[in-house]
């Protein structure tokens, strides 16, 4: 989607948000391949992808509510993308499910870090529960 298309879409949602409002999440592309040489020049060993904390993995997102209030508190800290959906559901006050409630609790316990959670056992437990419920296939 081009920048102009997104702007047009957002203007239309602002004009006509719909009976329940509209939420738009604009998720950025970090362009890691396009900037690889630039990033590698400042990285020991030139492997910017070996560290999940590398700037190569940083991106952005914006949340816009049209005809619907958004509580931005779930986005108060940097988030790994795995927590984005649960955070959006919570911020918009949308109906949720036990799966997304568990993911929001994990987000809070892990301080927004999925792969680098200080308590890896919590992440493993969450993944096991999803697998046992048939919501995740790791085979």
C-alpha atoms as a PDB file:
ATOM      1  CA  UNK A   1       0.000   0.000   0.000  1.00  0.00           C
ATOM      2  CA  UNK A   2       1.424   3.387  -0.941  1.00  0.00           C
ATOM      3  CA  UNK A   3       1.709   6.252   1.503  1.00  0.00           C
ATOM      4  CA  UNK A   4      -0.955   8.158  -0.445  1.00  0.00           C
ATOM      5  CA  UNK A   5      -3.332   5.185  -0.369  1.00  0.00           C
ATOM      6  CA  UNK A   6      -2.924   4.913   3.396  1.00  0.00           C
ATOM      7  CA  UNK A   7      -3.553   8.634   3.858  1.00  0.00           C
ATOM      8  CA  UNK A   8      -6.668   8.433   1.684  1.00  0.00           C
ATOM      9  CA  UNK A   9      -7.909   5.400   3.617  1.00  0.00           C
ATOM     10  CA  UNK A  10      -7.351   7.139   6.958  1.00  0.00           C
ATOM     11  CA  UNK A  11      -9.153  10.295   5.783  1.00  0.00           C
ATOM     12  CA  UNK A  12     -12.117   8.179   4.696  1.00  0.00           C
ATOM     13  CA  UNK A  13     -12.190   6.348   8.054  1.00  0.00           C
ATOM     14  CA  UNK A  14     -12.100   9.704   9.842  1.00  0.00           C
ATOM     15  CA  UNK A  15     -15.004  10.914   7.724  1.00  0.00           C
ATOM     16  CA  UNK A  16     -16.977   7.664   8.058  1.00  0.00           C
ATOM     17  CA  UNK A  17     -15.682   5.516  10.927  1.00  0.00           C
ATOM     18  CA  UNK A  18     -18.588   3.088  10.862  1.00  0.00           C
ATOM     19  CA  UNK A  19     -21.086   2.230  13.605  1.00  0.00           C
ATOM     20  CA  UNK A  20     -18.442   0.691  15.911  1.00  0.00           C
ATOM     21  CA  UNK A  21     -15.596   2.947  14.915  1.00  0.00           C
ATOM     22  CA  UNK A  22     -12.441   1.916  13.103  1.00  0.00           C
ATOM     23  CA  UNK A  23      -8.954   1.142  14.338  1.00  0.00           C
ATOM     24  CA  UNK A  24      -6.008   1.430  11.981  1.00  0.00           C
ATOM     25  CA  UNK A  25      -2.643  -0.063  12.874  1.00  0.00           C
ATOM     26  CA  UNK A  26       0.107   1.173  10.565  1.00  0.00           C
ATOM     27  CA  UNK A  27       2.968  -1.291  10.933  1.00  0.00           C
ATOM     28  CA  UNK A  28       6.341  -0.196   9.572  1.00  0.00           C
ATOM     29  CA  UNK A  29       8.859  -2.160   7.612  1.00  0.00           C
ATOM     30  CA  UNK A  30      12.361  -1.938   9.011  1.00  0.00           C
ATOM     31  CA  UNK A  31      13.919  -2.629   5.580  1.00  0.00           C
ATOM     32  CA  UNK A  32      16.647  -4.800   7.072  1.00  0.00           C
ATOM     33  CA  UNK A  33      17.817  -6.083   3.676  1.00  0.00           C
ATOM     34  CA  UNK A  34      17.919  -2.612   2.137  1.00  0.00           C
ATOM     35  CA  UNK A  35      19.993  -1.229   5.019  1.00  0.00           C
ATOM     36  CA  UNK A  36      22.108  -4.321   5.718  1.00  0.00           C
ATOM     37  CA  UNK A  37      25.403  -2.861   4.447  1.00  0.00           C
ATOM     38  CA  UNK A  38      24.900   0.362   6.407  1.00  0.00           C
ATOM     39  CA  UNK A  39      24.055  -1.504   9.611  1.00  0.00           C
ATOM     40  CA  UNK A  40      26.837  -4.069   9.161  1.00  0.00           C
ATOM     41  CA  UNK A  41      29.478  -1.337   8.949  1.00  0.00           C
ATOM     42  CA  UNK A  42      28.823  -0.437  12.580  1.00  0.00           C
ATOM     43  CA  UNK A  43      28.494  -3.994  13.886  1.00  0.00           C
ATOM     44  CA  UNK A  44      31.371  -6.170  15.128  1.00  0.00           C
ATOM     45  CA  UNK A  45      31.609  -9.193  12.850  1.00  0.00           C
ATOM     46  CA  UNK A  46      29.217  -7.530  10.371  1.00  0.00           C
ATOM     47  CA  UNK A  47      26.335  -9.846  11.392  1.00  0.00           C
ATOM     48  CA  UNK A  48      23.540  -7.464  12.404  1.00  0.00           C
ATOM     49  CA  UNK A  49      21.017 -10.303  12.357  1.00  0.00           C
ATOM     50  CA  UNK A  50      22.688 -12.462  15.022  1.00  0.00           C
ATOM     51  CA  UNK A  51      21.414 -10.295  17.887  1.00  0.00           C
ATOM     52  CA  UNK A  52      17.638  -9.974  18.392  1.00  0.00           C
ATOM     53  CA  UNK A  53      18.318  -6.634  20.098  1.00  0.00           C
ATOM     54  CA  UNK A  54      19.991  -5.312  16.946  1.00  0.00           C
ATOM     55  CA  UNK A  55      18.701  -2.142  15.329  1.00  0.00           C
ATOM     56  CA  UNK A  56      18.087  -4.297  12.232  1.00  0.00           C
ATOM     57  CA  UNK A  57      14.986  -5.662  13.966  1.00  0.00           C
ATOM     58  CA  UNK A  58      13.562  -2.351  15.120  1.00  0.00           C
ATOM     59  CA  UNK A  59      10.512  -1.003  13.344  1.00  0.00           C
ATOM     60  CA  UNK A  60       7.579   1.233  14.159  1.00  0.00           C
ATOM     61  CA  UNK A  61       3.839   1.161  14.373  1.00  0.00           C
ATOM     62  CA  UNK A  62       1.146   3.758  14.874  1.00  0.00           C
ATOM     63  CA  UNK A  63      -2.386   3.243  16.116  1.00  0.00           C
ATOM     64  CA  UNK A  64      -5.282   5.470  15.086  1.00  0.00           C
ATOM     65  CA  UNK A  65      -8.816   5.307  16.421  1.00  0.00           C
ATOM     66  CA  UNK A  66     -11.672   6.779  14.394  1.00  0.00           C
ATOM     67  CA  UNK A  67     -14.930   6.960  16.296  1.00  0.00           C
ATOM     68  CA  UNK A  68     -13.352   4.783  18.975  1.00  0.00           C
ATOM     69  CA  UNK A  69     -11.151   5.742  21.913  1.00  0.00           C
ATOM     70  CA  UNK A  70      -7.755   4.103  22.174  1.00  0.00           C
ATOM     71  CA  UNK A  71      -6.046   3.640  25.554  1.00  0.00           C
ATOM     72  CA  UNK A  72      -2.349   3.807  24.658  1.00  0.00           C
ATOM     73  CA  UNK A  73      -1.124   2.358  27.977  1.00  0.00           C
ATOM     74  CA  UNK A  74      -0.481  -1.126  26.511  1.00  0.00           C
ATOM     75  CA  UNK A  75       1.979   0.573  24.129  1.00  0.00           C
ATOM     76  CA  UNK A  76       3.849   2.515  26.843  1.00  0.00           C
ATOM     77  CA  UNK A  77       6.949   0.318  26.514  1.00  0.00           C
ATOM     78  CA  UNK A  78       8.728  -1.021  23.420  1.00  0.00           C
ATOM     79  CA  UNK A  79       7.045  -4.240  22.324  1.00  0.00           C
ATOM     80  CA  UNK A  80       8.144  -7.285  20.415  1.00  0.00           C
ATOM     81  CA  UNK A  81       5.793  -7.835  17.508  1.00  0.00           C
ATOM     82  CA  UNK A  82       4.410 -11.009  19.124  1.00  0.00           C
ATOM     83  CA  UNK A  83       2.580  -8.816  21.639  1.00  0.00           C
ATOM     84  CA  UNK A  84       1.160  -6.318  19.159  1.00  0.00           C
ATOM     85  CA  UNK A  85      -2.232  -7.989  18.582  1.00  0.00           C
ATOM     86  CA  UNK A  86      -2.982  -8.479  22.287  1.00  0.00           C
ATOM     87  CA  UNK A  87      -1.949  -4.888  22.977  1.00  0.00           C
ATOM     88  CA  UNK A  88      -4.190  -3.537  20.207  1.00  0.00           C
ATOM     89  CA  UNK A  89      -7.186  -5.532  21.444  1.00  0.00           C
ATOM     90  CA  UNK A  90      -6.623  -4.252  24.979  1.00  0.00           C
ATOM     91  CA  UNK A  91      -6.020  -0.638  23.895  1.00  0.00           C
ATOM     92  CA  UNK A  92      -9.202  -0.566  21.825  1.00  0.00           C
ATOM     93  CA  UNK A  93     -11.322  -2.218  24.513  1.00  0.00           C
ATOM     94  CA  UNK A  94     -12.356  -4.970  22.117  1.00  0.00           C
ATOM     95  CA  UNK A  95     -13.774  -8.291  23.268  1.00  0.00           C
ATOM     96  CA  UNK A  96     -10.924 -10.683  23.868  1.00  0.00           C
ATOM     97  CA  UNK A  97     -10.287 -14.348  24.496  1.00  0.00           C
ATOM     98  CA  UNK A  98      -8.364 -16.350  27.093  1.00  0.00           C
ATOM     99  CA  UNK A  99      -5.516 -16.705  24.579  1.00  0.00           C
ATOM    100  CA  UNK A 100      -5.093 -12.954  24.121  1.00  0.00           C
ATOM    101  CA  UNK A 101      -5.574 -12.317  27.842  1.00  0.00           C
ATOM    102  CA  UNK A 102      -2.729 -14.779  28.531  1.00  0.00           C
ATOM    103  CA  UNK A 103      -0.595 -13.072  25.895  1.00  0.00           C
ATOM    104  CA  UNK A 104      -1.214  -9.661  27.520  1.00  0.00           C
ATOM    105  CA  UNK A 105      -0.202 -11.085  30.916  1.00  0.00           C
ATOM    106  CA  UNK A 106       2.950 -12.517  29.340  1.00  0.00           C
ATOM    107  CA  UNK A 107       3.684  -9.123  27.745  1.00  0.00           C
ATOM    108  CA  UNK A 108       3.472  -7.456  31.143  1.00  0.00           C
ATOM    109  CA  UNK A 109       5.560 -10.110  32.907  1.00  0.00           C
ATOM    110  CA  UNK A 110       8.206  -9.992  30.157  1.00  0.00           C
ATOM    111  CA  UNK A 111       8.286  -6.183  29.935  1.00  0.00           C
ATOM    112  CA  UNK A 112       7.302  -6.295  26.247  1.00  0.00           C
ATOM    113  CA  UNK A 113      10.140  -8.649  25.303  1.00  0.00           C
ATOM    114  CA  UNK A 114       9.111 -11.980  23.845  1.00  0.00           C
ATOM    115  CA  UNK A 115      12.371 -13.556  22.685  1.00  0.00           C
ATOM    116  CA  UNK A 116      14.434 -11.837  25.384  1.00  0.00           C
ATOM    117  CA  UNK A 117      11.991 -12.305  28.254  1.00  0.00           C
ATOM    118  CA  UNK A 118      13.883 -12.302  31.565  1.00  0.00           C
ATOM    119  CA  UNK A 119      11.861 -15.374  32.607  1.00  0.00           C
ATOM    120  CA  UNK A 120      12.065 -17.698  29.607  1.00  0.00           C
ATOM    121  CA  UNK A 121      10.073 -20.340  31.498  1.00  0.00           C
ATOM    122  CA  UNK A 122       6.986 -18.087  31.231  1.00  0.00           C
ATOM    123  CA  UNK A 123       7.312 -17.965  27.441  1.00  0.00           C
ATOM    124  CA  UNK A 124       7.809 -21.718  27.233  1.00  0.00           C
ATOM    125  CA  UNK A 125       4.771 -22.292  29.466  1.00  0.00           C
ATOM    126  CA  UNK A 126       2.651 -19.988  27.278  1.00  0.00           C
ATOM    127  CA  UNK A 127       3.763 -21.782  24.106  1.00  0.00           C
ATOM    128  CA  UNK A 128       3.059 -25.173  25.692  1.00  0.00           C
ATOM    129  CA  UNK A 129      -0.461 -24.087  26.687  1.00  0.00           C
ATOM    130  CA  UNK A 130      -1.164 -22.894  23.153  1.00  0.00           C
ATOM    131  CA  UNK A 131       0.204 -26.117  21.696  1.00  0.00           C
ATOM    132  CA  UNK A 132      -1.803 -28.264  24.118  1.00  0.00           C
ATOM    133  CA  UNK A 133      -4.959 -26.325  23.174  1.00  0.00           C
ATOM    134  CA  UNK A 134      -4.346 -27.033  19.478  1.00  0.00           C
ATOM    135  CA  UNK A 135      -3.647 -23.365  18.720  1.00  0.00           C
ATOM    136  CA  UNK A 136       0.008 -23.887  17.826  1.00  0.00           C
ATOM    137  CA  UNK A 137       1.700 -26.639  15.871  1.00  0.00           C
ATOM    138  CA  UNK A 138       5.461 -26.878  16.487  1.00  0.00           C
ATOM    139  CA  UNK A 139       6.029 -30.157  14.610  1.00  0.00           C
END
